[in-house]
Amino acid sequence: MMYEEMKKDLRSSVLKLCKFLGEDLSEEVVDAVVRQASFENMKDDPLANFENTLYRGFGPKLQEGHFLRKGTIGDWKNHMTVQQNERFDKIFQKQMKDFPLQFIWDVNESQN
């Protein structure tokens, strides 16, 4: 299960997880899980986002950022230069050539 899959279709991801766990949840319970597991709710839930734990462990410096940031797919494009991305791609292709999973790098990509 990948974050990108969950972001694109959280309900399908919850149902996939239920099937894996052998759980048969009612539609009401699935709806509640989907609602609670949305990025927005997780970001606001101190039991889910570790914000308080990090603040206690690392002090006020954490106020410069957050444990959970934007919850978007492909935000790496806003932080890496073209040169950094090309270097990452080269290393990634070499190191992961035999890895059986395909990754979604952009919101417009689909999982095969």
N, C-alpha and C. Protein backbone atom coordinates (compact mmCIF):
# COMPACT_ATOMS: atom_id res chain seq x y z
N MET A 1 0.85 -1.16 0.00
CA MET A 1 0.00 0.00 0.00
C MET A 1 0.90 1.23 0.00
N MET A 2 0.56 2.17 -0.83
CA MET A 2 1.36 3.39 -0.94
C MET A 2 0.52 4.61 -0.60
N TYR A 3 1.20 5.61 -0.07
CA TYR A 3 0.52 6.85 0.29
C TYR A 3 -0.22 7.43 -0.92
N GLU A 4 0.42 7.38 -2.07
CA GLU A 4 -0.17 7.94 -3.27
C GLU A 4 -1.49 7.26 -3.63
N GLU A 5 -1.55 5.93 -3.44
CA GLU A 5 -2.80 5.21 -3.67
C GLU A 5 -3.87 5.67 -2.68
N MET A 6 -3.47 5.81 -1.42
CA MET A 6 -4.43 6.26 -0.41
C MET A 6 -4.92 7.67 -0.70
N LYS A 7 -4.03 8.52 -1.16
CA LYS A 7 -4.40 9.90 -1.45
C LYS A 7 -5.37 9.97 -2.63
N LYS A 8 -5.15 9.12 -3.63
CA LYS A 8 -6.03 9.11 -4.80
C LYS A 8 -7.40 8.53 -4.49
N ASP A 9 -7.44 7.45 -3.70
CA ASP A 9 -8.71 6.77 -3.42
C ASP A 9 -8.63 6.10 -2.06
N LEU A 10 -8.89 6.88 -1.01
CA LEU A 10 -8.74 6.39 0.36
C LEU A 10 -9.70 5.24 0.65
N ARG A 11 -10.92 5.34 0.16
CA ARG A 11 -11.91 4.29 0.44
C ARG A 11 -11.44 2.94 -0.11
N SER A 12 -10.95 2.92 -1.34
CA SER A 12 -10.45 1.66 -1.92
C SER A 12 -9.27 1.13 -1.13
N SER A 13 -8.43 2.02 -0.64
CA SER A 13 -7.28 1.60 0.17
C SER A 13 -7.73 0.99 1.49
N VAL A 14 -8.74 1.57 2.10
CA VAL A 14 -9.28 1.03 3.36
C VAL A 14 -9.87 -0.36 3.10
N LEU A 15 -10.61 -0.51 2.02
CA LEU A 15 -11.20 -1.81 1.69
C LEU A 15 -10.12 -2.85 1.38
N LYS A 16 -9.06 -2.42 0.72
CA LYS A 16 -7.93 -3.31 0.42
C LYS A 16 -7.27 -3.78 1.72
N LEU A 17 -7.10 -2.87 2.67
CA LEU A 17 -6.53 -3.21 3.96
C LEU A 17 -7.45 -4.14 4.74
N CYS A 18 -8.76 -3.90 4.69
CA CYS A 18 -9.72 -4.78 5.36
C CYS A 18 -9.63 -6.20 4.80
N LYS A 19 -9.54 -6.29 3.48
CA LYS A 19 -9.43 -7.62 2.85
C LYS A 19 -8.16 -8.32 3.31
N PHE A 20 -7.05 -7.59 3.34
CA PHE A 20 -5.77 -8.16 3.78
C PHE A 20 -5.86 -8.67 5.22
N LEU A 21 -6.55 -7.90 6.07
CA LEU A 21 -6.67 -8.27 7.48
C LEU A 21 -7.79 -9.27 7.74
N GLY A 22 -8.60 -9.57 6.72
CA GLY A 22 -9.70 -10.51 6.88
C GLY A 22 -10.86 -9.91 7.65
N GLU A 23 -11.00 -8.61 7.59
CA GLU A 23 -12.08 -7.92 8.30
C GLU A 23 -13.19 -7.55 7.33
N ASP A 24 -14.43 -7.78 7.74
CA ASP A 24 -15.59 -7.42 6.94
C ASP A 24 -16.35 -6.33 7.68
N LEU A 25 -16.04 -5.09 7.35
CA LEU A 25 -16.63 -3.95 8.06
C LEU A 25 -17.90 -3.48 7.37
N SER A 26 -18.82 -2.97 8.16
CA SER A 26 -20.05 -2.40 7.60
C SER A 26 -19.70 -1.11 6.84
N GLU A 27 -20.60 -0.67 5.99
CA GLU A 27 -20.40 0.57 5.23
C GLU A 27 -20.22 1.75 6.17
N GLU A 28 -20.98 1.76 7.28
CA GLU A 28 -20.87 2.85 8.26
C GLU A 28 -19.47 2.90 8.87
N VAL A 29 -18.93 1.76 9.22
CA VAL A 29 -17.61 1.71 9.84
C VAL A 29 -16.54 2.09 8.81
N VAL A 30 -16.67 1.61 7.58
CA VAL A 30 -15.73 1.99 6.52
C VAL A 30 -15.76 3.49 6.33
N ASP A 31 -16.97 4.07 6.28
CA ASP A 31 -17.10 5.52 6.14
C ASP A 31 -16.39 6.26 7.29
N ALA A 32 -16.55 5.75 8.49
CA ALA A 32 -15.91 6.37 9.66
C ALA A 32 -14.39 6.27 9.57
N VAL A 33 -13.88 5.13 9.15
CA VAL A 33 -12.43 4.96 9.00
C VAL A 33 -11.91 5.90 7.93
N VAL A 34 -12.59 6.00 6.81
CA VAL A 34 -12.17 6.89 5.73
C VAL A 34 -12.16 8.34 6.21
N ARG A 35 -13.19 8.71 6.93
CA ARG A 35 -13.27 10.08 7.46
C ARG A 35 -12.12 10.36 8.43
N GLN A 36 -11.88 9.44 9.34
CA GLN A 36 -10.84 9.62 10.36
C GLN A 36 -9.44 9.55 9.75
N ALA A 37 -9.27 8.76 8.70
CA ALA A 37 -7.95 8.55 8.11
C ALA A 37 -7.60 9.58 7.03
N SER A 38 -8.45 10.56 6.81
CA SER A 38 -8.11 11.59 5.82
C SER A 38 -6.90 12.37 6.32
N PHE A 39 -6.13 12.88 5.40
CA PHE A 39 -4.92 13.62 5.79
C PHE A 39 -5.27 14.77 6.72
N GLU A 40 -6.33 15.49 6.41
CA GLU A 40 -6.71 16.64 7.21
C GLU A 40 -7.01 16.25 8.65
N ASN A 41 -7.74 15.16 8.84
CA ASN A 41 -8.04 14.70 10.21
C ASN A 41 -6.80 14.17 10.91
N MET A 42 -5.95 13.44 10.19
CA MET A 42 -4.74 12.91 10.80
C MET A 42 -3.80 14.04 11.22
N LYS A 43 -3.72 15.07 10.40
CA LYS A 43 -2.85 16.20 10.72
C LYS A 43 -3.30 16.92 11.99
N ASP A 44 -4.61 16.96 12.21
CA ASP A 44 -5.16 17.65 13.38
C ASP A 44 -5.23 16.77 14.62
N ASP A 45 -4.99 15.48 14.47
CA ASP A 45 -5.13 14.54 15.59
C ASP A 45 -3.77 14.32 16.26
N PRO A 46 -3.57 14.83 17.48
CA PRO A 46 -2.27 14.67 18.15
C PRO A 46 -1.91 13.22 18.44
N LEU A 47 -2.88 12.32 18.43
CA LEU A 47 -2.58 10.91 18.64
C LEU A 47 -2.07 10.25 17.37
N ALA A 48 -2.23 10.92 16.23
CA ALA A 48 -1.84 10.34 14.96
C ALA A 48 -0.63 11.00 14.33
N ASN A 49 -0.35 12.25 14.68
CA ASN A 49 0.67 12.98 13.92
C ASN A 49 1.99 13.18 14.64
N PHE A 50 2.12 12.76 15.86
CA PHE A 50 3.38 12.82 16.62
C PHE A 50 3.93 14.23 16.82
N GLU A 51 3.14 15.24 16.50
CA GLU A 51 3.61 16.62 16.64
C GLU A 51 4.04 16.93 18.08
N ASN A 52 3.22 16.54 19.05
CA ASN A 52 3.56 16.81 20.44
C ASN A 52 4.78 16.03 20.90
N THR A 53 4.91 14.79 20.44
CA THR A 53 6.06 13.98 20.79
C THR A 53 7.34 14.60 20.26
N LEU A 54 7.31 15.05 19.02
CA LEU A 54 8.49 15.68 18.44
C LEU A 54 8.81 17.00 19.13
N TYR A 55 7.78 17.75 19.48
CA TYR A 55 8.02 19.03 20.14
C TYR A 55 8.70 18.81 21.50
N ARG A 56 8.19 17.81 22.25
CA ARG A 56 8.80 17.52 23.56
C ARG A 56 10.23 17.01 23.39
N GLY A 57 10.46 16.19 22.35
CA GLY A 57 11.77 15.59 22.17
C GLY A 57 12.80 16.51 21.55
N PHE A 58 12.34 17.45 20.73
CA PHE A 58 13.28 18.29 20.01
C PHE A 58 13.15 19.77 20.32
N GLY A 59 12.17 20.13 21.10
CA GLY A 59 12.04 21.50 21.56
C GLY A 59 11.43 22.44 20.55
N PRO A 60 11.49 23.73 20.86
CA PRO A 60 10.81 24.75 20.05
C PRO A 60 11.26 24.82 18.60
N LYS A 61 12.42 24.28 18.27
CA LYS A 61 12.89 24.34 16.89
C LYS A 61 11.88 23.69 15.94
N LEU A 62 11.10 22.74 16.44
CA LEU A 62 10.11 22.07 15.61
C LEU A 62 9.09 23.06 15.07
N GLN A 63 8.89 24.18 15.71
CA GLN A 63 7.90 25.14 15.26
C GLN A 63 8.20 25.65 13.86
N GLU A 64 9.42 25.44 13.36
CA GLU A 64 9.76 25.84 12.01
C GLU A 64 9.10 24.95 10.96
N GLY A 65 8.63 23.78 11.34
CA GLY A 65 7.99 22.85 10.42
C GLY A 65 7.01 21.98 11.17
N HIS A 66 6.48 20.99 10.49
CA HIS A 66 5.50 20.10 11.10
C HIS A 66 5.82 18.66 10.73
N PHE A 67 5.40 17.75 11.57
CA PHE A 67 5.61 16.34 11.31
C PHE A 67 4.90 15.93 10.02
N LEU A 68 3.65 16.33 9.89
CA LEU A 68 2.90 16.11 8.65
C LEU A 68 2.83 17.45 7.93
N ARG A 69 3.28 17.47 6.69
CA ARG A 69 3.38 18.75 5.99
C ARG A 69 2.12 19.06 5.18
N LYS A 70 2.13 18.80 3.88
CA LYS A 70 1.04 19.20 3.00
C LYS A 70 0.08 18.07 2.65
N GLY A 71 0.59 16.87 2.63
CA GLY A 71 -0.25 15.75 2.24
C GLY A 71 -0.52 15.69 0.75
N THR A 72 0.42 16.19 -0.04
CA THR A 72 0.24 16.19 -1.49
C THR A 72 1.20 15.20 -2.14
N ILE A 73 0.88 14.82 -3.35
CA ILE A 73 1.73 13.94 -4.14
C ILE A 73 2.56 14.82 -5.06
N GLY A 74 3.84 14.54 -5.14
CA GLY A 74 4.70 15.25 -6.08
C GLY A 74 5.27 16.56 -5.57
N ASP A 75 5.15 16.84 -4.28
CA ASP A 75 5.69 18.09 -3.74
C ASP A 75 7.20 18.14 -3.81
N TRP A 76 7.82 16.99 -4.01
CA TRP A 76 9.28 16.94 -4.14
C TRP A 76 9.74 17.86 -5.27
N LYS A 77 8.89 18.08 -6.27
CA LYS A 77 9.25 18.94 -7.40
C LYS A 77 9.50 20.38 -6.96
N ASN A 78 8.90 20.76 -5.84
CA ASN A 78 9.07 22.12 -5.32
C ASN A 78 10.33 22.26 -4.48
N HIS A 79 11.01 21.15 -4.23
CA HIS A 79 12.17 21.18 -3.34
C HIS A 79 13.46 20.72 -4.02
N MET A 80 13.35 20.05 -5.15
CA MET A 80 14.53 19.53 -5.84
C MET A 80 14.73 20.30 -7.15
N THR A 81 15.98 20.57 -7.46
CA THR A 81 16.29 21.18 -8.75
C THR A 81 16.24 20.10 -9.82
N VAL A 82 16.25 20.50 -11.08
CA VAL A 82 16.29 19.54 -12.18
C VAL A 82 17.53 18.67 -12.06
N GLN A 83 18.65 19.27 -11.73
CA GLN A 83 19.90 18.52 -11.59
C GLN A 83 19.80 17.50 -10.45
N GLN A 84 19.23 17.89 -9.32
CA GLN A 84 19.07 16.96 -8.20
C GLN A 84 18.14 15.81 -8.60
N ASN A 85 17.06 16.13 -9.30
CA ASN A 85 16.12 15.11 -9.74
C ASN A 85 16.78 14.13 -10.70
N GLU A 86 17.58 14.63 -11.64
CA GLU A 86 18.27 13.75 -12.57
C GLU A 86 19.25 12.84 -11.84
N ARG A 87 19.95 13.38 -10.87
CA ARG A 87 20.89 12.57 -10.08
C ARG A 87 20.14 11.50 -9.28
N PHE A 88 19.03 11.91 -8.65
CA PHE A 88 18.21 10.95 -7.91
C PHE A 88 17.73 9.84 -8.84
N ASP A 89 17.21 10.20 -10.01
CA ASP A 89 16.70 9.19 -10.95
C ASP A 89 17.79 8.19 -11.33
N LYS A 90 18.97 8.69 -11.58
CA LYS A 90 20.09 7.81 -11.98
C LYS A 90 20.42 6.82 -10.86
N ILE A 91 20.55 7.31 -9.65
CA ILE A 91 20.86 6.45 -8.50
C ILE A 91 19.71 5.50 -8.22
N PHE A 92 18.49 6.02 -8.26
CA PHE A 92 17.31 5.20 -7.98
C PHE A 92 17.20 4.04 -8.98
N GLN A 93 17.36 4.34 -10.27
CA GLN A 93 17.26 3.29 -11.29
C GLN A 93 18.32 2.21 -11.07
N LYS A 94 19.51 2.61 -10.70
CA LYS A 94 20.59 1.65 -10.47
C LYS A 94 20.31 0.79 -9.23
N GLN A 95 19.94 1.43 -8.13
CA GLN A 95 19.76 0.72 -6.86
C GLN A 95 18.47 -0.10 -6.81
N MET A 96 17.45 0.33 -7.53
CA MET A 96 16.13 -0.31 -7.42
C MET A 96 15.74 -1.12 -8.65
N LYS A 97 16.68 -1.39 -9.54
CA LYS A 97 16.36 -2.05 -10.80
C LYS A 97 15.67 -3.40 -10.60
N ASP A 98 15.98 -4.11 -9.55
CA ASP A 98 15.39 -5.43 -9.31
C ASP A 98 14.24 -5.40 -8.31
N PHE A 99 13.86 -4.22 -7.84
CA PHE A 99 12.78 -4.10 -6.86
C PHE A 99 11.44 -4.28 -7.57
N PRO A 100 10.56 -5.15 -7.07
CA PRO A 100 9.35 -5.51 -7.82
C PRO A 100 8.20 -4.48 -7.80
N LEU A 101 8.32 -3.40 -7.05
CA LEU A 101 7.23 -2.43 -6.99
C LEU A 101 7.46 -1.27 -7.94
N GLN A 102 6.37 -0.70 -8.42
CA GLN A 102 6.43 0.52 -9.20
C GLN A 102 5.90 1.64 -8.32
N PHE A 103 6.51 2.81 -8.43
CA PHE A 103 6.13 3.93 -7.59
C PHE A 103 5.38 4.98 -8.40
N ILE A 104 4.48 5.67 -7.73
CA ILE A 104 3.75 6.78 -8.32
C ILE A 104 4.49 8.04 -7.89
N TRP A 105 4.99 8.80 -8.83
CA TRP A 105 5.76 10.00 -8.51
C TRP A 105 4.95 11.26 -8.72
N ASP A 106 3.82 11.14 -9.37
CA ASP A 106 3.03 12.33 -9.70
C ASP A 106 1.56 11.98 -9.57
N VAL A 107 0.74 12.94 -9.23
CA VAL A 107 -0.69 12.70 -9.01
C VAL A 107 -1.37 12.21 -10.29
N ASN A 108 -0.83 12.50 -11.46
CA ASN A 108 -1.45 12.09 -12.72
C ASN A 108 -1.03 10.69 -13.15
N GLU A 109 -0.08 10.08 -12.45
CA GLU A 109 0.33 8.72 -12.79
C GLU A 109 -0.63 7.73 -12.17
N SER A 110 -0.71 6.56 -12.77
CA SER A 110 -1.54 5.50 -12.19
C SER A 110 -0.68 4.30 -11.90
N GLN A 111 -1.13 3.50 -10.96
CA GLN A 111 -0.42 2.27 -10.58
C GLN A 111 -0.84 1.18 -11.54
N ASN A 112 0.11 0.45 -12.10
CA ASN A 112 -0.22 -0.63 -13.04
C ASN A 112 -0.55 -1.90 -12.32
